[in-house]
Amino acid sequence: MKKQVKITQTKSAIGSNWRKKRTVEALGLSKLHHSVIHNDTPTIRGMIKAVRELVKVEEVELK
């Protein structure tokens, strides 16, 4: 079974530095409360860690 993560933007990136804004954009998030699902990879985990105060993460398992 492949693990995935559901990432939801909970806070605005306004006022954050440009790197955090670009990371949120690269994750595919565009608005508050918008969610995306990505494969659980070290790259995605690193991006999540960089913007951890702006997002909520839930682990999802595909069957």
N, C-alpha and C. Protein backbone atom coordinates (compact mmCIF):
# COMPACT_ATOMS: atom_id res chain seq x y z
N MET A 1 0.84 -1.19 0.00
CA MET A 1 0.00 0.00 0.00
C MET A 1 0.88 1.25 0.00
N LYS A 2 0.50 2.18 -0.83
CA LYS A 2 1.28 3.39 -0.97
C LYS A 2 0.75 4.47 -0.03
N LYS A 3 1.65 5.07 0.73
CA LYS A 3 1.24 6.13 1.64
C LYS A 3 1.20 7.46 0.91
N GLN A 4 0.22 8.24 1.28
CA GLN A 4 0.09 9.59 0.74
C GLN A 4 -0.23 10.53 1.87
N VAL A 5 -0.04 11.82 1.63
CA VAL A 5 -0.36 12.84 2.62
C VAL A 5 -1.34 13.83 2.02
N LYS A 6 -2.30 14.24 2.84
CA LYS A 6 -3.26 15.27 2.45
C LYS A 6 -2.80 16.55 3.13
N ILE A 7 -2.53 17.57 2.33
CA ILE A 7 -2.01 18.83 2.84
C ILE A 7 -3.09 19.89 2.66
N THR A 8 -3.44 20.58 3.74
CA THR A 8 -4.46 21.61 3.71
C THR A 8 -3.86 22.93 4.18
N GLN A 9 -4.05 23.99 3.41
CA GLN A 9 -3.55 25.29 3.82
C GLN A 9 -4.48 25.87 4.87
N THR A 10 -3.94 26.19 6.04
CA THR A 10 -4.74 26.70 7.15
C THR A 10 -4.50 28.17 7.43
N LYS A 11 -3.38 28.70 6.98
CA LYS A 11 -3.07 30.12 7.19
C LYS A 11 -2.58 30.73 5.89
N SER A 12 -2.77 32.02 5.76
CA SER A 12 -2.36 32.73 4.56
C SER A 12 -0.85 32.89 4.50
N ALA A 13 -0.31 32.90 3.30
CA ALA A 13 1.12 33.11 3.10
C ALA A 13 1.46 34.60 2.99
N ILE A 14 0.44 35.46 3.06
CA ILE A 14 0.68 36.90 3.02
C ILE A 14 1.51 37.27 4.24
N GLY A 15 2.55 38.02 4.02
CA GLY A 15 3.43 38.42 5.12
C GLY A 15 4.59 37.46 5.33
N SER A 16 4.54 36.30 4.70
CA SER A 16 5.65 35.36 4.78
C SER A 16 6.70 35.76 3.75
N ASN A 17 7.92 35.24 3.93
CA ASN A 17 8.96 35.57 2.95
C ASN A 17 8.67 34.86 1.63
N TRP A 18 9.37 35.25 0.59
CA TRP A 18 9.08 34.74 -0.76
C TRP A 18 9.31 33.25 -0.88
N ARG A 19 10.23 32.68 -0.12
CA ARG A 19 10.49 31.24 -0.20
C ARG A 19 9.28 30.44 0.27
N LYS A 20 8.66 30.88 1.36
CA LYS A 20 7.48 30.18 1.87
C LYS A 20 6.31 30.32 0.91
N LYS A 21 6.15 31.49 0.34
CA LYS A 21 5.07 31.70 -0.64
C LYS A 21 5.26 30.77 -1.84
N ARG A 22 6.49 30.66 -2.32
CA ARG A 22 6.77 29.80 -3.47
C ARG A 22 6.62 28.33 -3.13
N THR A 23 6.96 27.94 -1.89
CA THR A 23 6.82 26.55 -1.48
C THR A 23 5.35 26.16 -1.40
N VAL A 24 4.52 27.04 -0.84
CA VAL A 24 3.08 26.77 -0.78
C VAL A 24 2.53 26.63 -2.20
N GLU A 25 2.97 27.49 -3.09
CA GLU A 25 2.53 27.44 -4.49
C GLU A 25 3.01 26.13 -5.16
N ALA A 26 4.25 25.73 -4.87
CA ALA A 26 4.80 24.50 -5.46
C ALA A 26 4.08 23.25 -4.96
N LEU A 27 3.54 23.31 -3.75
CA LEU A 27 2.76 22.19 -3.23
C LEU A 27 1.40 22.09 -3.91
N GLY A 28 1.01 23.14 -4.63
CA GLY A 28 -0.26 23.11 -5.36
C GLY A 28 -1.40 23.77 -4.59
N LEU A 29 -1.05 24.49 -3.54
CA LEU A 29 -2.07 25.15 -2.72
C LEU A 29 -2.26 26.58 -3.23
N SER A 30 -3.52 27.02 -3.30
CA SER A 30 -3.78 28.35 -3.83
C SER A 30 -4.65 29.21 -2.93
N LYS A 31 -5.48 28.60 -2.10
CA LYS A 31 -6.40 29.35 -1.24
C LYS A 31 -6.42 28.73 0.14
N LEU A 32 -6.97 29.45 1.09
CA LEU A 32 -7.16 28.89 2.43
C LEU A 32 -8.13 27.71 2.36
N HIS A 33 -7.88 26.72 3.14
CA HIS A 33 -8.70 25.51 3.25
C HIS A 33 -8.72 24.67 1.97
N HIS A 34 -7.78 24.94 1.06
CA HIS A 34 -7.63 24.14 -0.14
C HIS A 34 -6.74 22.95 0.21
N SER A 35 -7.09 21.77 -0.26
CA SER A 35 -6.34 20.56 0.05
C SER A 35 -5.81 19.90 -1.22
N VAL A 36 -4.65 19.29 -1.09
CA VAL A 36 -4.06 18.50 -2.16
C VAL A 36 -3.53 17.21 -1.56
N ILE A 37 -3.40 16.19 -2.40
CA ILE A 37 -2.85 14.91 -1.95
C ILE A 37 -1.59 14.64 -2.75
N HIS A 38 -0.51 14.33 -2.03
CA HIS A 38 0.78 14.02 -2.64
C HIS A 38 1.28 12.69 -2.10
N ASN A 39 2.15 12.02 -2.88
CA ASN A 39 2.82 10.84 -2.37
C ASN A 39 3.75 11.24 -1.22
N ASP A 40 3.89 10.38 -0.24
CA ASP A 40 4.72 10.67 0.92
C ASP A 40 6.18 10.39 0.58
N THR A 41 6.87 11.43 0.11
CA THR A 41 8.28 11.31 -0.26
C THR A 41 9.10 12.27 0.60
N PRO A 42 10.40 12.04 0.68
CA PRO A 42 11.25 12.96 1.45
C PRO A 42 11.21 14.39 0.92
N THR A 43 11.04 14.57 -0.38
CA THR A 43 10.97 15.91 -0.96
C THR A 43 9.73 16.64 -0.47
N ILE A 44 8.59 15.98 -0.52
CA ILE A 44 7.34 16.58 -0.07
C ILE A 44 7.40 16.85 1.44
N ARG A 45 7.95 15.92 2.20
CA ARG A 45 8.09 16.11 3.65
C ARG A 45 8.95 17.34 3.97
N GLY A 46 10.01 17.55 3.18
CA GLY A 46 10.86 18.73 3.38
C GLY A 46 10.12 20.02 3.09
N MET A 47 9.29 20.00 2.04
CA MET A 47 8.50 21.17 1.71
C MET A 47 7.48 21.46 2.81
N ILE A 48 6.87 20.40 3.33
CA ILE A 48 5.91 20.56 4.42
C ILE A 48 6.59 21.16 5.65
N LYS A 49 7.78 20.67 5.95
CA LYS A 49 8.52 21.17 7.11
C LYS A 49 8.84 22.66 6.97
N ALA A 50 9.11 23.10 5.74
CA ALA A 50 9.45 24.50 5.49
C ALA A 50 8.27 25.44 5.75
N VAL A 51 7.04 24.93 5.57
CA VAL A 51 5.85 25.79 5.73
C VAL A 51 4.90 25.21 6.78
N ARG A 52 5.43 24.50 7.76
CA ARG A 52 4.60 23.78 8.73
C ARG A 52 3.63 24.66 9.50
N GLU A 53 3.92 25.96 9.64
CA GLU A 53 3.00 26.83 10.37
C GLU A 53 1.83 27.29 9.50
N LEU A 54 1.87 27.01 8.20
CA LEU A 54 0.82 27.44 7.29
C LEU A 54 -0.10 26.31 6.85
N VAL A 55 0.29 25.05 7.13
CA VAL A 55 -0.46 23.91 6.61
C VAL A 55 -0.78 22.90 7.71
N LYS A 56 -1.77 22.05 7.41
CA LYS A 56 -2.13 20.92 8.26
C LYS A 56 -1.93 19.67 7.41
N VAL A 57 -1.35 18.62 8.01
CA VAL A 57 -1.02 17.42 7.26
C VAL A 57 -1.73 16.22 7.87
N GLU A 58 -2.34 15.41 7.01
CA GLU A 58 -2.97 14.15 7.44
C GLU A 58 -2.43 13.05 6.56
N GLU A 59 -2.16 11.90 7.16
CA GLU A 59 -1.69 10.77 6.38
C GLU A 59 -2.89 10.01 5.83
N VAL A 60 -2.80 9.65 4.55
CA VAL A 60 -3.87 8.94 3.84
C VAL A 60 -3.25 7.67 3.28
N GLU A 61 -3.99 6.58 3.32
CA GLU A 61 -3.47 5.35 2.78
C GLU A 61 -4.38 4.87 1.66
N LEU A 62 -3.80 4.66 0.49
CA LEU A 62 -4.56 4.15 -0.65
C LEU A 62 -4.70 2.65 -0.56
N LYS A 63 -5.82 2.15 -1.01
CA LYS A 63 -6.04 0.71 -0.97
C LYS A 63 -6.02 0.15 -2.36
